[in-house]
Amino acid sequence: MDDNVREFGHKLNEMIRGRHLTRDEARQMFSEVLMDQQSEMHQGAFLAAITANVATPEEIAGSWEAIYDLDTVKVRPNVEGPLVENCGTGMDTMETFNISTAASIVAAAEGVVMAKHASRAITSRCGAIDMVEALGVDVESGADVVKCSIEQAGIGIFNGMSPKIHPQGLGRILSKICFGTILNLSGSLASPVLPRLAVRGVHSQELVEPMAETLKEIGLTRAMVVHGLSNDGGLGMDEISPFNRTYVSELLEDGRIISYSLWPEDFGIDRYDDIGLGPKRDCVSEAPEFIDLISGDEGGIREDIVCMNAAPILYVTGRASGMMEGFKMARSSIHDGKAYSKLEDWVTHQSVDPTTSLDHLHSISR
């Protein structure tokens, strides 16, 4: 047994006892996991230990740094204005349809340049990659195709499990686990385009402020991190909630982080009961309803929660002055047909065969 393996095991013992890593230690240890330099037993133990301890901003940033430096293809889209990312990081206790995906389409329809980075389902039935693939977006395309989609359609998505995006080890690791880990946080941050603005949902209240601190640590300049509650407060979601309080930490341009709560009333709506947000059994079944939703044919709680979660994207980019104005802009985008047109643009431009992809989208539109 070589010294590197022994040293890794020694640090694992310390982590199991509750010690947190520095950013440099996290970067080094995760680099060894990423490059397959430790046994699978050590790799799994590392992911379990760092997740069970509730990773610190320094640990998340260190793991992100390893992924970005060693295992991420880099591209630089030529666009006007900032690149923005939104996502929910999974692992929450309220399973929902792909709210953040719909919200990103609505925001893009209002002129926000969206650069998404996501994975297939790990802790849910249908991840963002699975969802947009069902709609006709080519999720196995290389980074240059996604770059062109961002430039031409104003929205694109990088597949975090694809070797064309992360050629070394991230996809290998994600494909072998079915539980939430630090990778739901650090891996999702390792976008090929490094957006500087973001709206991110996390699975627990305790992670809201640390995630905002992490975003600042890795160089973001403007962001919101959210965690919403069910009616009785017993369950949580990695989205803004239409049921109850949402905890928020906001990274301001001057580097300050402020924390506060949002309520459904802040968006001009009444509170809902905990119903109506669950996904269908798979993304193929979900796709027609998703299209109905962004076409304005559904209404109700699903439309409201999408508008609620598009609002902060419009807010952090300065297109809306606050949540209520952002909510109204999002609803107009849906009912004016702009959101569905944006989806058509996306399917057309993130594709190696635009005609076939667009025909597929139209075939599942009801």
Foldseek 3Di string as FASTA:
>chain_A
DDPVQVVLVVVLVVLQVQDADALQVLLVSLLCLLQVVYDPVSNVSVQVSCFVSPHFLSNLLSNLVNQQVQFFAADAADAPAFEEEEDELDPFDAAFDGLRLLLVLLLVLVPHQYEFEWEAAQAHFGIPLQQLVLLQFDAQDAPVLQSQLSRQLSYGYHYLLHCSGGVTGRVVVSVPHRHDGSCSQSSRCNGNHRTQEYEYFYRDPVCAVRSVVSSVVNHRQWYKYKKDAAQVRPTIGRAHALAAKMWMWIQHNVRDIDIDIDYNVQQVDHRDHSDDGHADNHSNVRNQVSLCQLQVNPDDPSVQRSQQRSQVVCCRSPNDVGRNRSSVSSNCCSPVRSSNVSSLSSSQRSDPDNVVSSVSNVVSHD
